[in-house]
C-alpha atoms as a PDB file:
ATOM      1  CA  MET A   1      -8.103  12.231   0.987  1.00  0.00           C
ATOM      2  CA  ILE A   2      -4.286  11.454   2.289  1.00  0.00           C
ATOM      3  CA  ALA A   3      -5.176  13.606   5.071  1.00  0.00           C
ATOM      4  CA  LEU A   4      -7.696  10.984   6.294  1.00  0.00           C
ATOM      5  CA  ILE A   5      -5.969   7.741   4.752  1.00  0.00           C
ATOM      6  CA  LEU A   6      -2.574   8.428   6.545  1.00  0.00           C
ATOM      7  CA  PRO A   7      -3.895   7.875  10.061  1.00  0.00           C
ATOM      8  CA  VAL A   8      -5.834   4.857   8.528  1.00  0.00           C
ATOM      9  CA  LEU A   9      -1.977   3.537   7.572  1.00  0.00           C
ATOM     10  CA  ILE A  10      -0.420   4.497  11.178  1.00  0.00           C
ATOM     11  CA  PHE A  11      -3.017   3.242  13.082  1.00  0.00           C
ATOM     12  CA  TRP A  12      -3.162  -0.674  11.434  1.00  0.00           C
ATOM     13  CA  ILE A  13       0.770  -1.026  11.397  1.00  0.00           C
ATOM     14  CA  ASP A  14       0.403  -0.293  15.317  1.00  0.00           C
ATOM     15  CA  LEU A  15      -2.424  -2.628  15.250  1.00  0.00           C
ATOM     16  CA  VAL A  16      -1.685  -5.469  13.000  1.00  0.00           C
ATOM     17  CA  LEU A  17       1.174  -7.201  13.940  1.00  0.00           C
ATOM     18  CA  LEU A  18      -0.121  -6.677  18.175  1.00  0.00           C
ATOM     19  CA  SER A  19      -3.863  -8.448  17.275  1.00  0.00           C
ATOM     20  CA  MET A  20      -1.422 -10.819  14.940  1.00  0.00           C
ATOM     21  CA  GLY A  21       0.882 -11.916  17.690  1.00  0.00           C
ATOM     22  CA  LEU A  22      -2.381 -11.870  19.781  1.00  0.00           C
ATOM     23  CA  ALA A  23      -4.145 -14.192  17.136  1.00  0.00           C
ATOM     24  CA  ILE A  24      -1.423 -16.907  16.458  1.00  0.00           C
ATOM     25  CA  VAL A  25      -0.314 -17.121  20.557  1.00  0.00           C
ATOM     26  CA  TYR A  26      -4.029 -17.950  21.101  1.00  0.00           C
ATOM     27  CA  GLY A  27      -4.540 -20.439  18.031  1.00  0.00           C
ATOM     28  CA  SER A  28      -1.583 -22.197  18.892  1.00  0.00           C
ATOM     29  CA  SER A  29      -1.826 -22.157  22.830  1.00  0.00           C
ATOM     30  CA  LYS A  30      -4.886 -21.228  23.292  1.00  0.00           C
ATOM     31  CA  ILE A  31      -4.013 -18.545  26.096  1.00  0.00           C
ATOM     32  CA  LEU A  32      -5.876 -15.167  25.558  1.00  0.00           C
ATOM     33  CA  ASN A  33      -3.020 -13.240  26.923  1.00  0.00           C
ATOM     34  CA  LEU A  34      -4.333 -10.079  28.991  1.00  0.00           C
ATOM     35  CA  ALA A  35      -0.395  -9.600  28.483  1.00  0.00           C
ATOM     36  CA  HIS A  36      -0.209  -8.941  24.911  1.00  0.00           C
ATOM     37  CA  GLY A  37       0.143  -4.899  25.236  1.00  0.00           C
ATOM     38  CA  SER A  38       3.283  -4.785  27.558  1.00  0.00           C
ATOM     39  CA  PHE A  39       5.200  -6.716  24.989  1.00  0.00           C
ATOM     40  CA  PHE A  40       4.080  -4.069  22.173  1.00  0.00           C
ATOM     41  CA  VAL A  41       4.792  -1.113  25.115  1.00  0.00           C
ATOM     42  CA  LEU A  42       7.988  -2.641  25.987  1.00  0.00           C
ATOM     43  CA  GLY A  43       8.992  -2.919  22.452  1.00  0.00           C
ATOM     44  CA  GLY A  44       8.610   1.084  22.201  1.00  0.00           C
ATOM     45  CA  TYR A  45      10.093   1.505  25.421  1.00  0.00           C
ATOM     46  CA  LEU A  46      13.161  -0.665  24.072  1.00  0.00           C
ATOM     47  CA  ALA A  47      13.233   0.565  20.603  1.00  0.00           C
ATOM     48  CA  SER A  48      13.379   4.498  21.968  1.00  0.00           C
ATOM     49  CA  TYR A  49      15.791   3.565  24.380  1.00  0.00           C
ATOM     50  CA  LEU A  50      17.900   1.974  21.622  1.00  0.00           C
ATOM     51  CA  ALA A  51      17.450   4.608  19.111  1.00  0.00           C
ATOM     52  CA  SER A  52      18.878   7.779  21.349  1.00  0.00           C
ATOM     53  CA  ASP A  53      22.426   6.070  21.507  1.00  0.00           C
ATOM     54  CA  LEU A  54      22.523   4.125  18.020  1.00  0.00           C
ATOM     55  CA  GLY A  55      19.820   5.203  16.207  1.00  0.00           C
ATOM     56  CA  LEU A  56      17.197   3.553  14.494  1.00  0.00           C
ATOM     57  CA  VAL A  57      18.898   0.704  13.933  1.00  0.00           C
ATOM     58  CA  GLY A  58      18.068   0.230  17.419  1.00  0.00           C
ATOM     59  CA  ILE A  59      14.481  -0.691  15.742  1.00  0.00           C
ATOM     60  CA  PRO A  60      15.641  -4.382  14.904  1.00  0.00           C
ATOM     61  CA  LEU A  61      17.403  -4.692  18.406  1.00  0.00           C
ATOM     62  CA  ALA A  62      14.464  -3.685  20.202  1.00  0.00           C
ATOM     63  CA  ALA A  63      12.645  -6.585  18.493  1.00  0.00           C
ATOM     64  CA  LEU A  64      15.325  -8.889  19.200  1.00  0.00           C
ATOM     65  CA  ALA A  65      14.204  -8.885  22.862  1.00  0.00           C
ATOM     66  CA  ALA A  66      11.455 -11.036  21.957  1.00  0.00           C
ATOM     67  CA  LEU A  67      13.805 -13.918  21.879  1.00  0.00           C
ATOM     68  CA  PRO A  68      14.081 -15.263  25.426  1.00  0.00           C
ATOM     69  CA  LEU A  69      10.966 -12.706  26.545  1.00  0.00           C
ATOM     70  CA  SER A  70       8.861 -15.568  24.408  1.00  0.00           C
ATOM     71  CA  ALA A  71      10.905 -18.237  26.155  1.00  0.00           C
ATOM     72  CA  LEU A  72      10.155 -16.657  29.746  1.00  0.00           C
ATOM     73  CA  PHE A  73       6.375 -16.083  28.875  1.00  0.00           C
ATOM     74  CA  TYR A  74       5.420 -19.615  27.836  1.00  0.00           C
ATOM     75  CA  LEU A  75       7.516 -20.864  31.059  1.00  0.00           C
ATOM     76  CA  TYR A  76       5.329 -18.559  33.260  1.00  0.00           C
ATOM     77  CA  ILE A  77       2.203 -19.456  31.630  1.00  0.00           C
ATOM     78  CA  LYS A  78       2.915 -23.379  31.752  1.00  0.00           C
ATOM     79  CA  ALA A  79       3.946 -22.620  35.288  1.00  0.00           C
ATOM     80  CA  PHE A  80       1.062 -21.093  37.059  1.00  0.00           C
ATOM     81  CA  ALA A  81      -1.560 -21.321  34.357  1.00  0.00           C
ATOM     82  CA  ARG A  82      -3.208 -24.761  33.666  1.00  0.00           C
ATOM     83  CA  SER A  83      -6.701 -23.940  33.458  1.00  0.00           C
ATOM     84  CA  GLU A  84      -8.876 -20.754  31.724  1.00  0.00           C
ATOM     85  CA  LEU A  85      -9.742 -19.442  34.931  1.00  0.00           C
ATOM     86  CA  GLU A  86      -5.938 -19.141  36.016  1.00  0.00           C
ATOM     87  CA  GLN A  87      -4.262 -18.229  32.358  1.00  0.00           C
ATOM     88  CA  ILE A  88      -7.078 -14.600  33.064  1.00  0.00           C
ATOM     89  CA  VAL A  89      -5.566 -14.162  36.324  1.00  0.00           C
ATOM     90  CA  ALA A  90      -1.731 -15.632  35.504  1.00  0.00           C
ATOM     91  CA  THR A  91      -1.948 -13.050  31.701  1.00  0.00           C
ATOM     92  CA  TYR A  92      -3.474 -10.052  34.090  1.00  0.00           C
ATOM     93  CA  ALA A  93      -0.930 -10.363  36.471  1.00  0.00           C
ATOM     94  CA  LEU A  94       1.905 -10.289  34.589  1.00  0.00           C
ATOM     95  CA  LEU A  95       0.449  -6.787  32.671  1.00  0.00           C
ATOM     96  CA  LEU A  96       0.524  -5.471  36.111  1.00  0.00           C
ATOM     97  CA  ILE A  97       4.172  -6.946  37.499  1.00  0.00           C
ATOM     98  CA  MET A  98       5.663  -5.327  33.492  1.00  0.00           C
ATOM     99  CA  GLU A  99       3.793  -1.685  34.266  1.00  0.00           C
ATOM    100  CA  GLY A 100       5.823  -2.153  37.455  1.00  0.00           C
ATOM    101  CA  VAL A 101       8.977  -3.037  35.806  1.00  0.00           C
ATOM    102  CA  PHE A 102       8.700  -0.160  33.156  1.00  0.00           C
ATOM    103  CA  GLU A 103       7.926   2.547  36.198  1.00  0.00           C
ATOM    104  CA  TYR A 104      11.243   1.338  37.371  1.00  0.00           C
ATOM    105  CA  VAL A 105      13.857   1.035  34.841  1.00  0.00           C
ATOM    106  CA  PHE A 106      12.028   3.660  32.821  1.00  0.00           C
ATOM    107  CA  GLY A 107      10.498   6.027  35.395  1.00  0.00           C
ATOM    108  CA  VAL A 108       7.496   7.869  34.453  1.00  0.00           C
ATOM    109  CA  GLY A 109       8.090  10.112  31.309  1.00  0.00           C
ATOM    110  CA  LEU A 110       7.563   9.672  27.795  1.00  0.00           C
ATOM    111  CA  TYR A 111       9.510   7.306  25.202  1.00  0.00           C
ATOM    112  CA  THR A 112       9.625   8.342  21.736  1.00  0.00           C
ATOM    113  CA  SER A 113      12.263   7.402  18.436  1.00  0.00           C
ATOM    114  CA  ALA A 114       9.958  10.393  16.421  1.00  0.00           C
ATOM    115  CA  THR A 115      13.012  12.587  16.425  1.00  0.00           C
ATOM    116  CA  GLN A 116      15.539  10.128  14.933  1.00  0.00           C
ATOM    117  CA  ALA A 117      12.544   9.170  12.562  1.00  0.00           C
ATOM    118  CA  ALA A 118      12.280  12.629  11.816  1.00  0.00           C
ATOM    119  CA  GLY A 119      15.688  12.830   9.911  1.00  0.00           C
ATOM    120  CA  LEU A 120      14.992  10.409   7.546  1.00  0.00           C
ATOM    121  CA  GLY A 121      12.636  13.565   5.926  1.00  0.00           C
ATOM    122  CA  MET A 122      10.136  13.026   3.659  1.00  0.00           C
ATOM    123  CA  LEU A 123       8.528  11.543   0.403  1.00  0.00           C
ATOM    124  CA  GLU A 124       6.271  13.401  -2.153  1.00  0.00           C
ATOM    125  CA  ILE A 125       3.799  10.479  -3.500  1.00  0.00           C
ATOM    126  CA  ALA A 126       0.173  11.944  -4.917  1.00  0.00           C
ATOM    127  CA  GLY A 127       1.558  15.611  -4.469  1.00  0.00           C
ATOM    128  CA  ALA A 128       1.060  15.033  -0.484  1.00  0.00           C
ATOM    129  CA  GLN A 129       4.763  14.855   1.566  1.00  0.00           C
ATOM    130  CA  LEU A 130       4.503  12.083   3.757  1.00  0.00           C
ATOM    131  CA  PRO A 131       6.777  10.739   6.290  1.00  0.00           C
ATOM    132  CA  THR A 132       9.753   8.810   5.397  1.00  0.00           C
ATOM    133  CA  ALA A 133       9.720   6.893   8.936  1.00  0.00           C
ATOM    134  CA  TYR A 134       5.748   6.217   7.738  1.00  0.00           C
ATOM    135  CA  LEU A 135       6.550   4.218   4.758  1.00  0.00           C
ATOM    136  CA  ILE A 136       9.427   2.324   6.457  1.00  0.00           C
ATOM    137  CA  GLY A 137       7.063   1.253   9.073  1.00  0.00           C
ATOM    138  CA  ALA A 138       4.455   0.310   6.748  1.00  0.00           C
ATOM    139  CA  ALA A 139       7.028  -1.804   4.367  1.00  0.00           C
ATOM    140  CA  ALA A 140       8.345  -3.576   7.798  1.00  0.00           C
ATOM    141  CA  ALA A 141       4.984  -4.440   8.816  1.00  0.00           C
ATOM    142  CA  ALA A 142       3.975  -6.084   5.375  1.00  0.00           C
ATOM    143  CA  ALA A 143       7.547  -7.727   4.689  1.00  0.00           C
ATOM    144  CA  ALA A 144       6.764  -9.599   8.644  1.00  0.00           C
ATOM    145  CA  LEU A 145       3.159 -10.813   7.591  1.00  0.00           C
ATOM    146  CA  GLY A 146       4.383 -11.489   4.110  1.00  0.00           C
ATOM    147  CA  GLY A 147       7.146 -13.478   5.362  1.00  0.00           C
ATOM    148  CA  PHE A 148       4.753 -15.195   8.087  1.00  0.00           C
ATOM    149  CA  ALA A 149       2.302 -16.354   5.053  1.00  0.00           C
ATOM    150  CA  TYR A 150       5.678 -17.467   3.281  1.00  0.00           C
ATOM    151  CA  VAL A 151       6.885 -19.733   6.518  1.00  0.00           C
ATOM    152  CA  LEU A 152       2.537 -20.927   7.359  1.00  0.00           C
ATOM    153  CA  TYR A 153       2.137 -21.796   3.616  1.00  0.00           C
ATOM    154  CA  ARG A 154       5.356 -23.337   2.113  1.00  0.00           C
ATOM    155  CA  THR A 155       7.544 -24.559   4.995  1.00  0.00           C
ATOM    156  CA  ASN A 156       7.218 -28.154   6.667  1.00  0.00           C
ATOM    157  CA  PHE A 157       6.765 -26.208  10.135  1.00  0.00           C
ATOM    158  CA  GLY A 158       4.122 -24.655   8.536  1.00  0.00           C
ATOM    159  CA  ALA A 159       2.095 -27.013   7.476  1.00  0.00           C
ATOM    160  CA  TYR A 160       2.609 -28.665  11.334  1.00  0.00           C
ATOM    161  CA  ALA A 161       1.827 -25.007  12.610  1.00  0.00           C
ATOM    162  CA  ARG A 162      -1.843 -25.031  10.966  1.00  0.00           C
ATOM    163  CA  ALA A 163      -2.376 -28.419  11.907  1.00  0.00           C
ATOM    164  CA  VAL A 164      -1.835 -27.306  15.533  1.00  0.00           C
ATOM    165  CA  ILE A 165      -4.208 -24.196  15.162  1.00  0.00           C
ATOM    166  CA  ASP A 166      -6.448 -26.138  13.360  1.00  0.00           C
ATOM    167  CA  ASP A 167      -7.045 -28.786  15.071  1.00  0.00           C
ATOM    168  CA  ARG A 168      -4.521 -30.143  18.044  1.00  0.00           C
ATOM    169  CA  GLU A 169      -5.292 -33.279  18.944  1.00  0.00           C
ATOM    170  CA  MET A 170      -5.836 -34.842  15.633  1.00  0.00           C
ATOM    171  CA  ALA A 171      -2.291 -33.031  14.725  1.00  0.00           C
ATOM    172  CA  GLU A 172      -0.890 -35.171  18.138  1.00  0.00           C
ATOM    173  CA  SER A 173      -2.980 -38.165  16.676  1.00  0.00           C
ATOM    174  CA  LEU A 174      -0.985 -37.668  13.339  1.00  0.00           C
ATOM    175  CA  GLY A 175       2.344 -37.608  14.538  1.00  0.00           C
ATOM    176  CA  VAL A 176       2.853 -33.856  15.084  1.00  0.00           C
ATOM    177  CA  ASN A 177       5.616 -32.449  17.456  1.00  0.00           C
ATOM    178  CA  THR A 178       2.406 -29.933  18.634  1.00  0.00           C
ATOM    179  CA  ARG A 179       4.810 -28.614  22.246  1.00  0.00           C
ATOM    180  CA  ARG A 180       7.478 -27.585  19.689  1.00  0.00           C
ATOM    181  CA  ALA A 181       5.520 -26.176  17.097  1.00  0.00           C
ATOM    182  CA  GLU A 182       3.302 -24.357  20.075  1.00  0.00           C
ATOM    183  CA  ILE A 183       6.500 -23.140  21.540  1.00  0.00           C
ATOM    184  CA  LEU A 184       7.540 -21.616  17.665  1.00  0.00           C
ATOM    185  CA  LEU A 185       4.436 -20.123  17.025  1.00  0.00           C
ATOM    186  CA  VAL A 186       4.098 -18.156  20.985  1.00  0.00           C
ATOM    187  CA  LEU A 187       8.060 -17.086  19.738  1.00  0.00           C
ATOM    188  CA  ILE A 188       6.474 -15.924  16.648  1.00  0.00           C
ATOM    189  CA  GLY A 189       3.230 -13.711  18.303  1.00  0.00           C
ATOM    190  CA  VAL A 190       5.198 -12.039  20.652  1.00  0.00           C
ATOM    191  CA  LEU A 191       7.819 -11.201  18.122  1.00  0.00           C
ATOM    192  CA  PHE A 192       5.094 -10.003  16.188  1.00  0.00           C
ATOM    193  CA  ALA A 193       4.046  -7.717  19.536  1.00  0.00           C
ATOM    194  CA  VAL A 194       7.359  -6.200  20.045  1.00  0.00           C
ATOM    195  CA  LEU A 195       8.339  -5.725  16.641  1.00  0.00           C
ATOM    196  CA  GLY A 196       4.631  -4.192  16.024  1.00  0.00           C
ATOM    197  CA  GLY A 197       5.860  -1.464  19.462  1.00  0.00           C
ATOM    198  CA  ALA A 198       9.033  -1.411  18.010  1.00  0.00           C
ATOM    199  CA  LEU A 199       7.686   0.123  14.573  1.00  0.00           C
ATOM    200  CA  ALA A 200       5.412   2.112  16.218  1.00  0.00           C
ATOM    201  CA  SER A 201       7.627   3.637  18.680  1.00  0.00           C
ATOM    202  CA  MET A 202       8.645   6.358  15.462  1.00  0.00           C
ATOM    203  CA  TRP A 203       5.759   8.066  15.626  1.00  0.00           C
ATOM    204  CA  ARG A 204       4.126   7.002  18.792  1.00  0.00           C
ATOM    205  CA  SER A 205       4.829   8.104  22.922  1.00  0.00           C
ATOM    206  CA  TYR A 206       5.130   5.464  25.230  1.00  0.00           C
ATOM    207  CA  GLY A 207       4.131   6.016  29.066  1.00  0.00           C
ATOM    208  CA  LEU A 208       2.498   3.828  31.469  1.00  0.00           C
ATOM    209  CA  GLY A 209      -0.903   2.773  30.959  1.00  0.00           C
ATOM    210  CA  LEU A 210      -0.312   2.048  27.766  1.00  0.00           C
ATOM    211  CA  ALA A 211      -0.559  -1.183  27.409  1.00  0.00           C
ATOM    212  CA  ALA A 212      -4.179  -1.348  28.550  1.00  0.00           C
ATOM    213  CA  GLU A 213      -4.748   1.287  26.377  1.00  0.00           C
ATOM    214  CA  VAL A 214      -4.059  -0.718  23.103  1.00  0.00           C
ATOM    215  CA  LEU A 215      -5.192  -3.905  23.786  1.00  0.00           C
ATOM    216  CA  PRO A 216      -9.299  -2.553  23.411  1.00  0.00           C
ATOM    217  CA  TYR A 217      -8.587  -2.689  20.439  1.00  0.00           C
ATOM    218  CA  ALA A 218      -7.025  -5.964  19.383  1.00  0.00           C
ATOM    219  CA  PHE A 219      -9.595  -7.791  21.238  1.00  0.00           C
ATOM    220  CA  ALA A 220     -12.264  -5.657  18.410  1.00  0.00           C
ATOM    221  CA  VAL A 221      -9.692  -6.979  15.572  1.00  0.00           C
ATOM    222  CA  ILE A 222      -9.392 -11.015  17.213  1.00  0.00           C
ATOM    223  CA  VAL A 223     -13.499 -10.858  17.337  1.00  0.00           C
ATOM    224  CA  ILE A 224     -14.225  -9.164  13.994  1.00  0.00           C
ATOM    225  CA  GLY A 225     -11.496 -11.437  12.265  1.00  0.00           C
ATOM    226  CA  GLY A 226     -11.878 -14.559  13.748  1.00  0.00           C
ATOM    227  CA  LEU A 227      -9.816 -15.608  17.270  1.00  0.00           C
ATOM    228  CA  GLU A 228      -8.524 -18.219  15.033  1.00  0.00           C
ATOM    229  CA  ASN A 229      -8.319 -17.116  11.434  1.00  0.00           C
ATOM    230  CA  ILE A 230      -4.862 -15.204  11.691  1.00  0.00           C
ATOM    231  CA  TRP A 231      -5.190 -13.445   8.107  1.00  0.00           C
ATOM    232  CA  GLY A 232      -8.664 -12.657   9.275  1.00  0.00           C
ATOM    233  CA  VAL A 233      -7.214 -10.313  11.916  1.00  0.00           C
ATOM    234  CA  ALA A 234      -5.395  -8.286   9.149  1.00  0.00           C
ATOM    235  CA  ALA A 235      -8.223  -7.631   6.969  1.00  0.00           C
ATOM    236  CA  ALA A 236     -10.316  -6.725  11.303  1.00  0.00           C
ATOM    237  CA  SER A 237      -7.214  -4.741  11.598  1.00  0.00           C
ATOM    238  CA  ALA A 238      -7.930  -1.804   8.518  1.00  0.00           C
ATOM    239  CA  ILE A 239     -11.670  -2.153   9.526  1.00  0.00           C
ATOM    240  CA  VAL A 240     -11.217  -0.996  12.964  1.00  0.00           C
ATOM    241  CA  SER A 241      -8.756   1.256  12.085  1.00  0.00           C
ATOM    242  CA  ALA A 242     -11.052   2.972   9.268  1.00  0.00           C
ATOM    243  CA  VAL A 243     -13.549   3.028  11.590  1.00  0.00           C
ATOM    244  CA  ARG A 244     -11.578   4.620  14.580  1.00  0.00           C
ATOM    245  CA  THR A 245     -10.179   7.041  12.486  1.00  0.00           C
ATOM    246  CA  VAL A 246     -13.685   8.098  11.189  1.00  0.00           C
ATOM    247  CA  VAL A 247     -14.833   8.657  14.794  1.00  0.00           C
ATOM    248  CA  VAL A 248     -12.002  10.167  15.635  1.00  0.00           C
ATOM    249  CA  TYR A 249     -12.640  12.896  13.414  1.00  0.00           C
ATOM    250  CA  VAL A 250     -16.068  13.209  13.940  1.00  0.00           C
ATOM    251  CA  TYR A 251     -16.704  12.949  17.550  1.00  0.00           C
ATOM    252  CA  PRO A 252     -13.790  11.784  19.254  1.00  0.00           C
ATOM    253  CA  ARG A 253     -15.237  11.342  22.786  1.00  0.00           C
ATOM    254  CA  LEU A 254     -17.113   8.313  20.668  1.00  0.00           C
ATOM    255  CA  GLU A 255     -14.448   6.062  19.891  1.00  0.00           C
ATOM    256  CA  LEU A 256     -14.439   3.479  21.654  1.00  0.00           C
ATOM    257  CA  VAL A 257     -18.274   3.326  22.012  1.00  0.00           C
ATOM    258  CA  VAL A 258     -19.117   3.131  18.331  1.00  0.00           C
ATOM    259  CA  LEU A 259     -15.885   0.468  18.266  1.00  0.00           C
ATOM    260  CA  TYR A 260     -17.676  -1.639  20.374  1.00  0.00           C
ATOM    261  CA  ILE A 261     -20.417  -1.087  18.803  1.00  0.00           C
ATOM    262  CA  VAL A 262     -19.315  -2.601  15.870  1.00  0.00           C
ATOM    263  CA  VAL A 263     -18.036  -5.776  18.055  1.00  0.00           C
ATOM    264  CA  LEU A 264     -21.554  -6.120  19.038  1.00  0.00           C
ATOM    265  CA  ALA A 265     -22.773  -6.455  16.352  1.00  0.00           C
ATOM    266  CA  VAL A 266     -20.553  -9.034  14.664  1.00  0.00           C
ATOM    267  CA  LEU A 267     -21.024 -11.285  17.579  1.00  0.00           C
ATOM    268  CA  ALA A 268     -24.505 -10.797  16.773  1.00  0.00           C
ATOM    269  CA  ILE A 269     -24.635 -11.621  12.899  1.00  0.00           C
ATOM    270  CA  ARG A 270     -21.302 -13.460  13.007  1.00  0.00           C
ATOM    271  CA  PRO A 271     -20.231 -14.831  16.646  1.00  0.00           C
ATOM    272  CA  GLN A 272     -17.109 -16.896  14.664  1.00  0.00           C
ATOM    273  CA  GLY A 273     -15.828 -13.831  13.342  1.00  0.00           C
ATOM    274  CA  LEU A 274     -17.103 -11.994   9.633  1.00  0.00           C
ATOM    275  CA  PHE A 275     -13.436 -14.018   8.049  1.00  0.00           C
ATOM    276  CA  ALA A 276     -13.796 -17.325   9.753  1.00  0.00           C
ATOM    277  CA  ARG A 277     -13.364 -20.173   6.900  1.00  0.00           C
ATOM    278  CA  HIS A 278     -15.299 -22.676   8.893  1.00  0.00           C
ATOM    279  CA  VAL A 279     -17.415 -23.570  11.974  1.00  0.00           C
ATOM    280  CA  ARG A 280     -16.970 -26.096  13.795  1.00  0.00           C
ATOM    281  CA  SER A 281     -19.689 -28.341  14.876  1.00  0.00           C
ATOM    282  CA  ILE A 282     -20.718 -31.012  17.396  1.00  0.00           C
END
């Protein structure tokens, strides 16, 4: 049983922060970021590079790179993407630009901090030996989600953020500084993607092309969970992780095929997502 649960847990850690970040960016700014996977990969590259000199301290340091990156991303989108079509073109262009930067800076080799993570040893749980790095990664992802939940539901900023995500025009009419809330939420969304990539470097290798490989899973999550329902995303990440793991065990060639059959079924039965809180009608 542990042999099946463990890969579900690991892929959930990879997926939940990436998908949550994508949902937050879209919910706050209505930007469907095709370059979001590149921020995940950047976190992995930076964490692996820093860990080679600093140890696993490099993981939180890599996540801090999200702070200036999110500001640059926001400025880039606002400068070049005013319509939905322009957003698609601009974010896809950014994905290609970042791939070129990765190749120039990091080369074509694989980067990982798994060697440093192995030094953390193993823990025995229910008679099974589990790498300590996996448990640290799970705890860090849960802490990030819990911290965001606290901010979202226990602070004034959280109230403003929820208003912006639910109904931006109404929030503006009530005097909410929607621009400030949007900028901060985009920062959080990018931070989640970079942090997810940095944590995953403890068990995953990073190389060119990975950004485009991980993004389809994130899109599957936000379709199943609901594009503007960030907590549905957390639950949908677990569903996608479980489906993906079972299919890989049974017949790995059908991994994406089965996953997107599930996505199409959700779109046909409940297009707003399985965990949508409400459906607006006009």
